[in-house]
N, C-alpha and C. Protein backbone atom coordinates (compact mmCIF):
# COMPACT_ATOMS: atom_id res chain seq x y z
N MET A 1 0.84 -1.17 0.00
CA MET A 1 0.00 0.00 0.00
C MET A 1 0.89 1.24 0.00
N VAL A 2 0.53 2.24 -0.80
CA VAL A 2 1.27 3.49 -0.88
C VAL A 2 0.43 4.59 -0.26
N ASN A 3 1.04 5.35 0.61
CA ASN A 3 0.36 6.48 1.23
C ASN A 3 0.88 7.77 0.66
N LEU A 4 -0.01 8.63 0.22
CA LEU A 4 0.38 9.93 -0.29
C LEU A 4 0.78 10.81 0.87
N ILE A 5 1.99 11.33 0.84
CA ILE A 5 2.50 12.16 1.93
C ILE A 5 2.40 13.63 1.58
N ASN A 6 2.62 13.98 0.33
CA ASN A 6 2.68 15.38 -0.05
C ASN A 6 2.23 15.53 -1.50
N SER A 7 1.63 16.64 -1.80
CA SER A 7 1.28 16.96 -3.18
C SER A 7 1.25 18.47 -3.34
N ILE A 8 1.40 18.91 -4.57
CA ILE A 8 1.37 20.33 -4.89
C ILE A 8 0.46 20.51 -6.09
N LEU A 9 -0.47 21.42 -6.01
CA LEU A 9 -1.31 21.76 -7.15
C LEU A 9 -0.86 23.10 -7.69
N ASP A 10 -0.79 23.21 -8.99
CA ASP A 10 -0.34 24.44 -9.62
C ASP A 10 -1.20 24.70 -10.84
N THR A 11 -1.10 25.89 -11.37
CA THR A 11 -1.92 26.28 -12.52
C THR A 11 -1.42 25.68 -13.82
N GLY A 12 -0.27 25.07 -13.81
CA GLY A 12 0.29 24.51 -15.04
C GLY A 12 1.28 25.45 -15.71
N ARG A 13 1.51 26.59 -15.11
CA ARG A 13 2.46 27.54 -15.69
C ARG A 13 3.88 27.27 -15.22
N CYS A 14 4.05 26.30 -14.36
CA CYS A 14 5.36 25.96 -13.83
C CYS A 14 5.70 24.53 -14.22
N SER A 15 6.92 24.32 -14.65
CA SER A 15 7.36 22.98 -15.02
C SER A 15 7.36 22.07 -13.78
N ASP A 16 6.92 20.84 -13.95
CA ASP A 16 6.90 19.89 -12.84
C ASP A 16 8.29 19.70 -12.25
N LYS A 17 9.31 19.70 -13.10
CA LYS A 17 10.66 19.47 -12.58
C LYS A 17 11.08 20.59 -11.63
N ASN A 18 10.54 21.80 -11.81
CA ASN A 18 10.85 22.89 -10.89
C ASN A 18 10.16 22.72 -9.55
N LEU A 19 9.06 21.97 -9.52
CA LEU A 19 8.33 21.73 -8.28
C LEU A 19 8.88 20.54 -7.49
N PHE A 20 9.76 19.77 -8.11
CA PHE A 20 10.23 18.54 -7.47
C PHE A 20 10.85 18.77 -6.09
N PRO A 21 11.74 19.73 -5.91
CA PRO A 21 12.32 19.92 -4.56
C PRO A 21 11.25 20.20 -3.50
N ASP A 22 10.23 20.99 -3.84
CA ASP A 22 9.17 21.28 -2.88
C ASP A 22 8.32 20.05 -2.58
N THR A 23 8.32 19.10 -3.48
CA THR A 23 7.55 17.87 -3.29
C THR A 23 8.36 16.85 -2.49
N ILE A 24 9.63 16.70 -2.80
CA ILE A 24 10.43 15.63 -2.17
C ILE A 24 10.98 16.04 -0.80
N ASN A 25 11.22 17.31 -0.56
CA ASN A 25 11.83 17.72 0.72
C ASN A 25 10.99 17.35 1.94
N PRO A 26 9.66 17.55 1.93
CA PRO A 26 8.88 17.08 3.09
C PRO A 26 8.94 15.56 3.28
N VAL A 27 9.03 14.83 2.20
CA VAL A 27 9.14 13.38 2.27
C VAL A 27 10.47 13.00 2.92
N LYS A 28 11.54 13.69 2.52
CA LYS A 28 12.85 13.44 3.12
C LYS A 28 12.83 13.76 4.62
N ASP A 29 12.18 14.86 5.00
CA ASP A 29 12.08 15.24 6.41
C ASP A 29 11.36 14.16 7.22
N ILE A 30 10.24 13.67 6.70
CA ILE A 30 9.49 12.63 7.39
C ILE A 30 10.34 11.36 7.51
N SER A 31 11.07 11.04 6.46
CA SER A 31 11.93 9.87 6.47
C SER A 31 13.00 9.98 7.56
N THR A 32 13.60 11.15 7.65
CA THR A 32 14.64 11.38 8.65
C THR A 32 14.06 11.26 10.06
N HIS A 33 12.94 11.90 10.31
CA HIS A 33 12.34 11.91 11.65
C HIS A 33 11.80 10.54 12.05
N SER A 34 11.34 9.76 11.09
CA SER A 34 10.76 8.45 11.41
C SER A 34 11.78 7.32 11.39
N GLY A 35 12.96 7.61 10.86
CA GLY A 35 13.97 6.57 10.75
C GLY A 35 13.72 5.60 9.62
N GLN A 36 12.80 5.94 8.73
CA GLN A 36 12.47 5.08 7.58
C GLN A 36 13.35 5.46 6.39
N GLU A 37 13.71 4.47 5.62
CA GLU A 37 14.54 4.68 4.44
C GLU A 37 13.66 4.85 3.20
N ILE A 38 13.99 5.83 2.37
CA ILE A 38 13.34 5.97 1.06
C ILE A 38 14.20 5.16 0.10
N TRP A 39 13.67 4.08 -0.43
CA TRP A 39 14.49 3.25 -1.32
C TRP A 39 14.20 3.48 -2.79
N CYS A 40 13.04 4.10 -3.12
CA CYS A 40 12.78 4.45 -4.51
C CYS A 40 11.82 5.63 -4.57
N VAL A 41 11.88 6.33 -5.67
CA VAL A 41 10.95 7.42 -5.97
C VAL A 41 10.32 7.08 -7.32
N VAL A 42 9.00 6.95 -7.34
CA VAL A 42 8.27 6.60 -8.56
C VAL A 42 7.60 7.86 -9.09
N SER A 43 7.90 8.19 -10.34
CA SER A 43 7.36 9.42 -10.94
C SER A 43 6.99 9.19 -12.39
N TYR A 44 6.23 10.11 -12.92
CA TYR A 44 5.84 10.01 -14.33
C TYR A 44 6.80 10.81 -15.20
N ALA A 45 6.58 10.81 -16.51
CA ALA A 45 7.54 11.30 -17.50
C ALA A 45 7.92 12.77 -17.34
N ALA A 46 7.08 13.58 -16.73
CA ALA A 46 7.44 15.00 -16.56
C ALA A 46 8.71 15.16 -15.73
N TYR A 47 9.03 14.15 -14.93
CA TYR A 47 10.23 14.20 -14.09
C TYR A 47 11.43 13.48 -14.72
N SER A 48 11.34 13.11 -15.98
CA SER A 48 12.45 12.39 -16.63
C SER A 48 13.50 13.37 -17.14
N GLU A 49 13.99 14.17 -16.23
CA GLU A 49 15.04 15.15 -16.52
C GLU A 49 16.26 14.79 -15.69
N VAL A 50 17.43 15.08 -16.22
CA VAL A 50 18.67 14.76 -15.53
C VAL A 50 18.72 15.41 -14.15
N SER A 51 18.23 16.65 -14.03
CA SER A 51 18.29 17.34 -12.73
C SER A 51 17.47 16.60 -11.67
N VAL A 52 16.32 16.09 -12.03
CA VAL A 52 15.48 15.36 -11.07
C VAL A 52 16.11 14.01 -10.75
N ILE A 53 16.55 13.31 -11.76
CA ILE A 53 17.18 12.00 -11.55
C ILE A 53 18.40 12.15 -10.65
N SER A 54 19.18 13.19 -10.85
CA SER A 54 20.36 13.44 -10.01
C SER A 54 19.97 13.71 -8.56
N GLN A 55 18.87 14.46 -8.35
CA GLN A 55 18.40 14.71 -6.98
C GLN A 55 17.99 13.42 -6.30
N VAL A 56 17.28 12.57 -7.01
CA VAL A 56 16.84 11.30 -6.44
C VAL A 56 18.04 10.44 -6.11
N GLU A 57 18.97 10.32 -7.04
CA GLU A 57 20.14 9.48 -6.82
C GLU A 57 21.04 10.03 -5.72
N SER A 58 21.05 11.36 -5.53
CA SER A 58 21.87 11.95 -4.46
C SER A 58 21.33 11.56 -3.08
N MET A 59 20.08 11.10 -3.03
CA MET A 59 19.48 10.61 -1.79
C MET A 59 19.79 9.13 -1.57
N ASN A 60 20.64 8.55 -2.43
CA ASN A 60 20.94 7.12 -2.42
C ASN A 60 19.66 6.32 -2.61
N THR A 61 18.84 6.79 -3.54
CA THR A 61 17.53 6.24 -3.81
C THR A 61 17.42 5.91 -5.30
N VAL A 62 16.66 4.89 -5.63
CA VAL A 62 16.48 4.46 -7.02
C VAL A 62 15.35 5.26 -7.67
N PRO A 63 15.64 5.96 -8.78
CA PRO A 63 14.56 6.65 -9.50
C PRO A 63 13.84 5.67 -10.43
N ILE A 64 12.53 5.60 -10.31
CA ILE A 64 11.71 4.80 -11.23
C ILE A 64 10.82 5.83 -11.92
N ILE A 65 11.27 6.24 -13.10
CA ILE A 65 10.63 7.36 -13.79
C ILE A 65 10.35 6.97 -15.24
N ASP A 66 9.10 7.13 -15.65
CA ASP A 66 8.74 6.88 -17.04
C ASP A 66 9.54 7.84 -17.92
N ILE A 67 10.11 7.34 -18.97
CA ILE A 67 10.92 8.18 -19.86
C ILE A 67 10.00 8.95 -20.79
N ASN A 68 10.23 10.22 -20.91
CA ASN A 68 9.48 11.05 -21.84
C ASN A 68 9.92 10.68 -23.25
N PRO A 69 9.01 10.24 -24.10
CA PRO A 69 9.39 9.83 -25.46
C PRO A 69 10.07 10.95 -26.26
N LYS A 70 9.83 12.20 -25.90
CA LYS A 70 10.50 13.31 -26.59
C LYS A 70 12.00 13.28 -26.36
N ASN A 71 12.42 12.69 -25.22
CA ASN A 71 13.83 12.68 -24.86
C ASN A 71 14.53 11.37 -25.20
N ALA A 72 13.80 10.38 -25.65
CA ALA A 72 14.39 9.08 -25.98
C ALA A 72 13.70 8.56 -27.25
N PHE A 73 14.35 8.76 -28.37
CA PHE A 73 13.73 8.46 -29.66
C PHE A 73 13.36 6.98 -29.81
N LEU A 74 14.27 6.07 -29.44
CA LEU A 74 13.97 4.64 -29.58
C LEU A 74 12.81 4.25 -28.67
N PHE A 75 12.81 4.73 -27.45
CA PHE A 75 11.74 4.43 -26.53
C PHE A 75 10.42 5.03 -27.02
N GLY A 76 10.49 6.22 -27.58
CA GLY A 76 9.28 6.86 -28.13
C GLY A 76 8.68 6.02 -29.25
N ASP A 77 9.54 5.46 -30.09
CA ASP A 77 9.06 4.60 -31.17
C ASP A 77 8.36 3.36 -30.60
N LEU A 78 8.95 2.76 -29.58
CA LEU A 78 8.34 1.57 -28.97
C LEU A 78 7.00 1.89 -28.34
N LYS A 79 6.92 3.03 -27.64
CA LYS A 79 5.66 3.39 -27.00
C LYS A 79 4.56 3.66 -28.03
N SER A 80 4.94 4.24 -29.17
CA SER A 80 3.92 4.58 -30.17
C SER A 80 3.43 3.34 -30.94
N LYS A 81 4.17 2.22 -30.86
CA LYS A 81 3.79 1.01 -31.58
C LYS A 81 2.89 0.09 -30.77
N LYS A 82 2.52 0.46 -29.55
CA LYS A 82 1.74 -0.47 -28.72
C LYS A 82 0.42 -0.79 -29.27
């Protein structure tokens, strides 16, 4: 079971990757205070940017992020053939 800890609603004028620190920092704080380890971060394609992946990996955490087909041509071709 997955429990939602934090969310941010925006008008859509801000890139999701720019909101990532505001989303993950409260999760990191809860993890620290509870003594629980964050072993993965699951996100959708809007977060498939090097800056976000680097932030996740800097937490010694595995990023599980759908690849944006715009950024991966071979993967985009596979997704469009389903």
